[in-house]
Amino acid sequence: MKDRLLIAIEVLDFSQSLSRREQTALWKRFREMTDTPHRFADYSETDSTQRRLDVHAHAGFAIFFWEDATDRHVRILQLSRADG
């Protein structure tokens, strides 16, 4: 069973500024991440509340996410260009 995917409004707003090709690549990866989110954790950081966020680098972007295993949610919290 797949997890639910929850995406922060800031991520949606940022994705609107991207090319269709970039959007397609990211949306495909977001969907893939719902199957086995832990597989996509390239490294981890902590947020301002000291919660561990996983970060996945894909197609020139850094995807910051949190897996809520209890509620079966993958939360995409931030998206930025990997080079800045």
C-alpha atoms as a PDB file:
ATOM      1  CA  MET A   1       0.000   0.000   0.000  1.00  0.00           C
ATOM      2  CA  LYS A   2       1.336   3.414  -0.934  1.00  0.00           C
ATOM      3  CA  ASP A   3       1.721   6.270   1.476  1.00  0.00           C
ATOM      4  CA  ARG A   4      -0.233   9.465   0.933  1.00  0.00           C
ATOM      5  CA  LEU A   5       1.677  12.361  -0.544  1.00  0.00           C
ATOM      6  CA  LEU A   6       1.276  15.778   1.058  1.00  0.00           C
ATOM      7  CA  ILE A   7       2.982  18.752  -0.589  1.00  0.00           C
ATOM      8  CA  ALA A   8       3.557  22.153   1.022  1.00  0.00           C
ATOM      9  CA  ILE A   9       1.972  25.089  -0.765  1.00  0.00           C
ATOM     10  CA  GLU A  10       5.425  26.708  -1.100  1.00  0.00           C
ATOM     11  CA  VAL A  11       6.583  23.679  -3.087  1.00  0.00           C
ATOM     12  CA  LEU A  12       3.567  23.936  -5.377  1.00  0.00           C
ATOM     13  CA  ASP A  13       4.167  27.665  -5.866  1.00  0.00           C
ATOM     14  CA  PHE A  14       7.859  27.105  -6.661  1.00  0.00           C
ATOM     15  CA  SER A  15       7.077  24.281  -9.090  1.00  0.00           C
ATOM     16  CA  GLN A  16       4.853  26.600 -11.135  1.00  0.00           C
ATOM     17  CA  SER A  17       7.936  28.625 -12.085  1.00  0.00           C
ATOM     18  CA  LEU A  18       9.658  25.555 -13.563  1.00  0.00           C
ATOM     19  CA  SER A  19       9.600  24.288 -17.121  1.00  0.00           C
ATOM     20  CA  ARG A  20       7.117  21.576 -18.040  1.00  0.00           C
ATOM     21  CA  ARG A  21      10.004  19.109 -18.382  1.00  0.00           C
ATOM     22  CA  GLU A  22      11.257  19.875 -14.850  1.00  0.00           C
ATOM     23  CA  GLN A  23       7.743  19.647 -13.426  1.00  0.00           C
ATOM     24  CA  THR A  24       7.186  16.272 -15.072  1.00  0.00           C
ATOM     25  CA  ALA A  25      10.472  14.872 -13.731  1.00  0.00           C
ATOM     26  CA  LEU A  26       9.720  16.094 -10.213  1.00  0.00           C
ATOM     27  CA  TRP A  27       6.104  14.927 -10.116  1.00  0.00           C
ATOM     28  CA  LYS A  28       7.180  11.488 -11.321  1.00  0.00           C
ATOM     29  CA  ARG A  29       9.782  11.302  -8.559  1.00  0.00           C
ATOM     30  CA  PHE A  30       7.303  12.519  -5.916  1.00  0.00           C
ATOM     31  CA  ARG A  31       4.993   9.646  -6.862  1.00  0.00           C
ATOM     32  CA  GLU A  32       7.871   7.135  -6.753  1.00  0.00           C
ATOM     33  CA  MET A  33       8.755   8.353  -3.286  1.00  0.00           C
ATOM     34  CA  THR A  34       5.381   7.237  -1.914  1.00  0.00           C
ATOM     35  CA  ASP A  35       6.324   3.555  -2.344  1.00  0.00           C
ATOM     36  CA  THR A  36       9.558   3.491  -0.335  1.00  0.00           C
ATOM     37  CA  PRO A  37      10.412   6.972   0.929  1.00  0.00           C
ATOM     38  CA  HIS A  38      13.434   5.848   2.966  1.00  0.00           C
ATOM     39  CA  ARG A  39      15.079   4.654  -0.246  1.00  0.00           C
ATOM     40  CA  PHE A  40      15.271   8.251  -1.467  1.00  0.00           C
ATOM     41  CA  ALA A  41      17.032   9.755   1.559  1.00  0.00           C
ATOM     42  CA  ASP A  42      20.421  10.903   0.263  1.00  0.00           C
ATOM     43  CA  TYR A  43      21.196  12.742   3.480  1.00  0.00           C
ATOM     44  CA  SER A  44      19.404  14.280   6.478  1.00  0.00           C
ATOM     45  CA  GLU A  45      19.073  17.691   8.086  1.00  0.00           C
ATOM     46  CA  THR A  46      17.084  18.972  11.040  1.00  0.00           C
ATOM     47  CA  ASP A  47      14.469  21.688  10.825  1.00  0.00           C
ATOM     48  CA  SER A  48      13.869  24.511  13.315  1.00  0.00           C
ATOM     49  CA  THR A  49      11.905  22.136  15.580  1.00  0.00           C
ATOM     50  CA  GLN A  50      14.758  19.601  15.527  1.00  0.00           C
ATOM     51  CA  ARG A  51      12.723  17.166  13.426  1.00  0.00           C
ATOM     52  CA  ARG A  52      14.782  15.077  11.036  1.00  0.00           C
ATOM     53  CA  LEU A  53      14.162  15.890   7.379  1.00  0.00           C
ATOM     54  CA  ASP A  54      15.423  13.652   4.619  1.00  0.00           C
ATOM     55  CA  VAL A  55      16.826  15.289   1.513  1.00  0.00           C
ATOM     56  CA  HIS A  56      16.819  13.744  -1.933  1.00  0.00           C
ATOM     57  CA  ALA A  57      18.757  15.182  -4.871  1.00  0.00           C
ATOM     58  CA  HIS A  58      17.006  14.654  -8.207  1.00  0.00           C
ATOM     59  CA  ALA A  59      17.232  16.335 -11.626  1.00  0.00           C
ATOM     60  CA  GLY A  60      19.107  19.324 -10.232  1.00  0.00           C
ATOM     61  CA  PHE A  61      16.772  19.841  -7.266  1.00  0.00           C
ATOM     62  CA  ALA A  62      16.899  19.185  -3.538  1.00  0.00           C
ATOM     63  CA  ILE A  63      13.662  17.674  -2.233  1.00  0.00           C
ATOM     64  CA  PHE A  64      13.222  18.011   1.538  1.00  0.00           C
ATOM     65  CA  PHE A  65      10.728  15.530   2.925  1.00  0.00           C
ATOM     66  CA  TRP A  66       9.542  13.849   6.071  1.00  0.00           C
ATOM     67  CA  GLU A  67       8.103  10.362   6.269  1.00  0.00           C
ATOM     68  CA  ASP A  68       5.327  10.054   8.834  1.00  0.00           C
ATOM     69  CA  ALA A  69       5.298   6.258   9.064  1.00  0.00           C
ATOM     70  CA  THR A  70       2.527   6.210  11.668  1.00  0.00           C
ATOM     71  CA  ASP A  71       0.038   8.060   9.466  1.00  0.00           C
ATOM     72  CA  ARG A  72       1.549   6.727   6.213  1.00  0.00           C
ATOM     73  CA  HIS A  73       2.258  10.181   4.804  1.00  0.00           C
ATOM     74  CA  VAL A  74       5.196  11.473   2.836  1.00  0.00           C
ATOM     75  CA  ARG A  75       5.373  15.214   3.290  1.00  0.00           C
ATOM     76  CA  ILE A  76       7.292  17.223   0.718  1.00  0.00           C
ATOM     77  CA  LEU A  77       8.177  20.321   2.717  1.00  0.00           C
ATOM     78  CA  GLN A  78      10.681  22.187   0.578  1.00  0.00           C
ATOM     79  CA  LEU A  79      12.024  22.160  -2.956  1.00  0.00           C
ATOM     80  CA  SER A  80      15.010  24.146  -4.189  1.00  0.00           C
ATOM     81  CA  ARG A  81      17.584  24.067  -6.901  1.00  0.00           C
ATOM     82  CA  ALA A  82      20.412  21.806  -5.757  1.00  0.00           C
ATOM     83  CA  ASP A  83      23.027  24.376  -6.710  1.00  0.00           C
ATOM     84  CA  GLY A  84      21.588  27.111  -4.548  1.00  0.00           C
END
